Amino acid sequence: MNKKVLMIAGVAMTALLGGCANTTALEESVANLGNKVDQLSAEVSSLKSDHGKMSADINDAKAAAMDAQAEAQRANDRIDNVASSYKK
């Protein structure tokens, strides 16, 4: 009885070790994952570049809006000044 158990355990161990020896599928899977990581890294880099450009454009637009607001205020002050100095 003991010999049968040892023999079955030996066959099972051999089968398990033989199954682990085939790593071709695992290597292909790792290579595919590596390619996907590279693609995602390139995409993130592109998105960071786009984000930087958009941030610069936003800052330019804010500056232009502030300049326009200041110019409008100056124009309003001049109009108010003309209107207050005019008498009938």
N, C-alpha and C. Protein backbone atom coordinates (compact mmCIF):
# COMPACT_ATOMS: atom_id res chain seq x y z
N MET A 1 0.82 -1.18 0.00
CA MET A 1 0.00 0.00 0.00
C MET A 1 0.87 1.25 0.00
N ASN A 2 1.90 1.28 0.79
CA ASN A 2 2.79 2.42 0.89
C ASN A 2 3.52 2.68 -0.43
N LYS A 3 3.87 1.59 -1.13
CA LYS A 3 4.57 1.73 -2.40
C LYS A 3 3.66 2.37 -3.44
N LYS A 4 2.38 2.05 -3.41
CA LYS A 4 1.44 2.63 -4.36
C LYS A 4 1.30 4.14 -4.13
N VAL A 5 1.23 4.54 -2.88
CA VAL A 5 1.09 5.95 -2.54
C VAL A 5 2.33 6.71 -2.98
N LEU A 6 3.51 6.14 -2.72
CA LEU A 6 4.75 6.78 -3.14
C LEU A 6 4.85 6.85 -4.66
N MET A 7 4.41 5.81 -5.32
CA MET A 7 4.46 5.78 -6.77
C MET A 7 3.51 6.82 -7.36
N ILE A 8 2.30 6.94 -6.83
CA ILE A 8 1.33 7.94 -7.30
C ILE A 8 1.86 9.34 -7.03
N ALA A 9 2.46 9.55 -5.87
CA ALA A 9 3.02 10.86 -5.54
C ALA A 9 4.16 11.20 -6.47
N GLY A 10 4.99 10.22 -6.81
CA GLY A 10 6.09 10.43 -7.74
C GLY A 10 5.60 10.80 -9.12
N VAL A 11 4.58 10.11 -9.60
CA VAL A 11 4.01 10.40 -10.93
C VAL A 11 3.38 11.79 -10.93
N ALA A 12 2.69 12.14 -9.87
CA ALA A 12 2.05 13.45 -9.78
C ALA A 12 3.11 14.55 -9.75
N MET A 13 4.19 14.33 -9.01
CA MET A 13 5.26 15.32 -8.92
C MET A 13 5.93 15.49 -10.27
N THR A 14 6.14 14.39 -10.99
CA THR A 14 6.75 14.45 -12.32
C THR A 14 5.85 15.22 -13.28
N ALA A 15 4.57 14.99 -13.21
CA ALA A 15 3.62 15.68 -14.08
C ALA A 15 3.61 17.18 -13.77
N LEU A 16 3.65 17.52 -12.50
CA LEU A 16 3.66 18.93 -12.12
C LEU A 16 4.93 19.63 -12.59
N LEU A 17 6.07 18.98 -12.40
CA LEU A 17 7.32 19.58 -12.83
C LEU A 17 7.41 19.67 -14.35
N GLY A 18 6.89 18.69 -15.03
CA GLY A 18 6.87 18.71 -16.49
C GLY A 18 5.99 19.83 -17.01
N GLY A 19 4.90 20.11 -16.35
CA GLY A 19 4.00 21.19 -16.74
C GLY A 19 4.63 22.56 -16.52
N CYS A 20 5.45 22.68 -15.50
CA CYS A 20 6.11 23.95 -15.21
C CYS A 20 7.28 24.22 -16.14
N ALA A 21 7.80 23.17 -16.78
CA ALA A 21 8.96 23.33 -17.66
C ALA A 21 8.59 24.04 -18.95
N ASN A 22 7.32 24.02 -19.34
CA ASN A 22 6.87 24.65 -20.58
C ASN A 22 6.53 26.11 -20.28
N THR A 23 7.47 27.00 -20.54
CA THR A 23 7.25 28.41 -20.23
C THR A 23 7.09 29.27 -21.48
N THR A 24 6.94 28.65 -22.63
CA THR A 24 6.81 29.42 -23.87
C THR A 24 5.58 30.32 -23.83
N ALA A 25 4.46 29.76 -23.38
CA ALA A 25 3.23 30.56 -23.31
C ALA A 25 3.38 31.68 -22.30
N LEU A 26 4.05 31.41 -21.20
CA LEU A 26 4.28 32.43 -20.19
C LEU A 26 5.18 33.54 -20.74
N GLU A 27 6.22 33.17 -21.46
CA GLU A 27 7.11 34.17 -22.05
C GLU A 27 6.39 35.04 -23.08
N GLU A 28 5.52 34.42 -23.87
CA GLU A 28 4.73 35.18 -24.85
C GLU A 28 3.79 36.15 -24.15
N SER A 29 3.19 35.70 -23.08
CA SER A 29 2.29 36.55 -22.31
C SER A 29 3.04 37.74 -21.72
N VAL A 30 4.21 37.49 -21.18
CA VAL A 30 5.02 38.57 -20.61
C VAL A 30 5.44 39.54 -21.71
N ALA A 31 5.82 39.02 -22.88
CA ALA A 31 6.20 39.89 -23.99
C ALA A 31 5.02 40.75 -24.43
N ASN A 32 3.83 40.16 -24.51
CA ASN A 32 2.64 40.93 -24.89
C ASN A 32 2.35 42.02 -23.87
N LEU A 33 2.48 41.68 -22.59
CA LEU A 33 2.25 42.69 -21.56
C LEU A 33 3.29 43.79 -21.64
N GLY A 34 4.53 43.43 -21.95
CA GLY A 34 5.58 44.44 -22.12
C GLY A 34 5.26 45.38 -23.26
N ASN A 35 4.75 44.85 -24.36
CA ASN A 35 4.36 45.69 -25.50
C ASN A 35 3.22 46.63 -25.12
N LYS A 36 2.27 46.12 -24.38
CA LYS A 36 1.14 46.95 -23.95
C LYS A 36 1.61 48.08 -23.03
N VAL A 37 2.54 47.76 -22.14
CA VAL A 37 3.09 48.78 -21.24
C VAL A 37 3.81 49.86 -22.05
N ASP A 38 4.57 49.44 -23.05
CA ASP A 38 5.27 50.41 -23.90
C ASP A 38 4.28 51.31 -24.64
N GLN A 39 3.20 50.73 -25.16
CA GLN A 39 2.18 51.51 -25.85
C GLN A 39 1.53 52.52 -24.90
N LEU A 40 1.21 52.06 -23.70
CA LEU A 40 0.58 52.95 -22.72
C LEU A 40 1.53 54.06 -22.29
N SER A 41 2.80 53.74 -22.17
CA SER A 41 3.78 54.76 -21.81
C SER A 41 3.87 55.83 -22.88
N ALA A 42 3.86 55.41 -24.14
CA ALA A 42 3.90 56.37 -25.24
C ALA A 42 2.63 57.22 -25.24
N GLU A 43 1.50 56.61 -24.97
CA GLU A 43 0.24 57.35 -24.94
C GLU A 43 0.22 58.36 -23.80
N VAL A 44 0.72 57.96 -22.64
CA VAL A 44 0.78 58.88 -21.50
C VAL A 44 1.71 60.05 -21.81
N SER A 45 2.82 59.76 -22.45
CA SER A 45 3.75 60.82 -22.82
C SER A 45 3.09 61.81 -23.78
N SER A 46 2.36 61.29 -24.74
CA SER A 46 1.65 62.15 -25.69
C SER A 46 0.59 63.00 -24.98
N LEU A 47 -0.13 62.39 -24.06
CA LEU A 47 -1.16 63.12 -23.32
C LEU A 47 -0.54 64.20 -22.44
N LYS A 48 0.62 63.92 -21.86
CA LYS A 48 1.29 64.93 -21.05
C LYS A 48 1.70 66.11 -21.92
N SER A 49 2.18 65.83 -23.12
CA SER A 49 2.57 66.89 -24.04
C SER A 49 1.36 67.74 -24.41
N ASP A 50 0.26 67.08 -24.74
CA ASP A 50 -0.98 67.80 -25.07
C ASP A 50 -1.46 68.64 -23.89
N HIS A 51 -1.36 68.10 -22.69
CA HIS A 51 -1.78 68.81 -21.49
C HIS A 51 -0.94 70.07 -21.30
N GLY A 52 0.36 69.95 -21.52
CA GLY A 52 1.23 71.11 -21.40
C GLY A 52 0.87 72.20 -22.39
N LYS A 53 0.57 71.80 -23.63
CA LYS A 53 0.17 72.78 -24.64
C LYS A 53 -1.15 73.46 -24.27
N MET A 54 -2.09 72.65 -23.79
CA MET A 54 -3.39 73.23 -23.40
C MET A 54 -3.24 74.17 -22.21
N SER A 55 -2.39 73.82 -21.27
CA SER A 55 -2.17 74.70 -20.12
C SER A 55 -1.59 76.03 -20.56
N ALA A 56 -0.65 75.99 -21.49
CA ALA A 56 -0.07 77.23 -22.01
C ALA A 56 -1.13 78.06 -22.72
N ASP A 57 -1.97 77.41 -23.51
CA ASP A 57 -3.05 78.13 -24.22
C ASP A 57 -4.03 78.74 -23.22
N ILE A 58 -4.34 78.02 -22.17
CA ILE A 58 -5.27 78.53 -21.16
C ILE A 58 -4.68 79.74 -20.47
N ASN A 59 -3.39 79.66 -20.14
CA ASN A 59 -2.75 80.81 -19.49
C ASN A 59 -2.73 82.02 -20.42
N ASP A 60 -2.48 81.80 -21.72
CA ASP A 60 -2.52 82.90 -22.68
C ASP A 60 -3.92 83.51 -22.77
N ALA A 61 -4.93 82.66 -22.78
CA ALA A 61 -6.31 83.14 -22.86
C ALA A 61 -6.68 83.93 -21.60
N LYS A 62 -6.23 83.47 -20.45
CA LYS A 62 -6.50 84.20 -19.21
C LYS A 62 -5.84 85.58 -19.24
N ALA A 63 -4.61 85.62 -19.71
CA ALA A 63 -3.90 86.90 -19.79
C ALA A 63 -4.62 87.85 -20.75
N ALA A 64 -5.07 87.34 -21.89
CA ALA A 64 -5.78 88.17 -22.85
C ALA A 64 -7.10 88.67 -22.26
N ALA A 65 -7.79 87.82 -21.53
CA ALA A 65 -9.05 88.22 -20.91
C ALA A 65 -8.82 89.30 -19.85
N MET A 66 -7.76 89.16 -19.08
CA MET A 66 -7.44 90.17 -18.07
C MET A 66 -7.09 91.50 -18.73
N ASP A 67 -6.32 91.45 -19.83
CA ASP A 67 -5.98 92.67 -20.56
C ASP A 67 -7.24 93.34 -21.11
N ALA A 68 -8.14 92.53 -21.67
CA ALA A 68 -9.37 93.08 -22.22
C ALA A 68 -10.24 93.69 -21.13
N GLN A 69 -10.27 93.03 -19.97
CA GLN A 69 -11.06 93.56 -18.86
C GLN A 69 -10.47 94.89 -18.37
N ALA A 70 -9.16 94.96 -18.28
CA ALA A 70 -8.52 96.20 -17.85
C ALA A 70 -8.77 97.32 -18.87
N GLU A 71 -8.70 97.00 -20.13
CA GLU A 71 -8.95 98.00 -21.18
C GLU A 71 -10.40 98.46 -21.15
N ALA A 72 -11.32 97.54 -20.92
CA ALA A 72 -12.74 97.91 -20.82
C ALA A 72 -12.97 98.82 -19.62
N GLN A 73 -12.32 98.52 -18.51
CA GLN A 73 -12.46 99.37 -17.33
C GLN A 73 -11.92 100.78 -17.60
N ARG A 74 -10.78 100.85 -18.28
CA ARG A 74 -10.23 102.16 -18.63
C ARG A 74 -11.19 102.94 -19.51
N ALA A 75 -11.79 102.25 -20.50
CA ALA A 75 -12.75 102.90 -21.39
C ALA A 75 -13.97 103.38 -20.60
N ASN A 76 -14.45 102.57 -19.69
CA ASN A 76 -15.60 102.96 -18.87
C ASN A 76 -15.27 104.17 -17.99
N ASP A 77 -14.06 104.17 -17.45
CA ASP A 77 -13.66 105.31 -16.63
C ASP A 77 -13.60 106.59 -17.47
N ARG A 78 -13.10 106.49 -18.69
CA ARG A 78 -13.05 107.68 -19.56
C ARG A 78 -14.45 108.16 -19.90
N ILE A 79 -15.34 107.21 -20.19
CA ILE A 79 -16.73 107.59 -20.52
C ILE A 79 -17.39 108.24 -19.31
N ASP A 80 -17.18 107.66 -18.11
CA ASP A 80 -17.75 108.24 -16.90
C ASP A 80 -17.19 109.64 -16.66
N ASN A 81 -15.94 109.82 -16.93
CA ASN A 81 -15.30 111.11 -16.74
C ASN A 81 -15.88 112.15 -17.71
N VAL A 82 -16.08 111.74 -18.95
CA VAL A 82 -16.69 112.66 -19.93
C VAL A 82 -18.11 112.99 -19.54
N ALA A 83 -18.86 111.98 -19.12
CA ALA A 83 -20.26 112.20 -18.76
C ALA A 83 -20.37 113.08 -17.52
N SER A 84 -19.49 112.95 -16.58
CA SER A 84 -19.59 113.77 -15.37
C SER A 84 -19.14 115.23 -15.60
N SER A 85 -18.30 115.43 -16.58
CA SER A 85 -17.84 116.79 -16.84
C SER A 85 -18.79 117.55 -17.78
N TYR A 86 -19.72 116.85 -18.40
CA TYR A 86 -20.65 117.49 -19.32
C TYR A 86 -21.80 118.09 -18.54
N LYS A 87 -22.09 119.36 -18.79
CA LYS A 87 -23.21 120.02 -18.13
C LYS A 87 -24.05 120.69 -19.18
N LYS A 88 -25.31 120.71 -18.96
CA LYS A 88 -26.24 121.37 -19.87
C LYS A 88 -26.28 122.82 -19.61
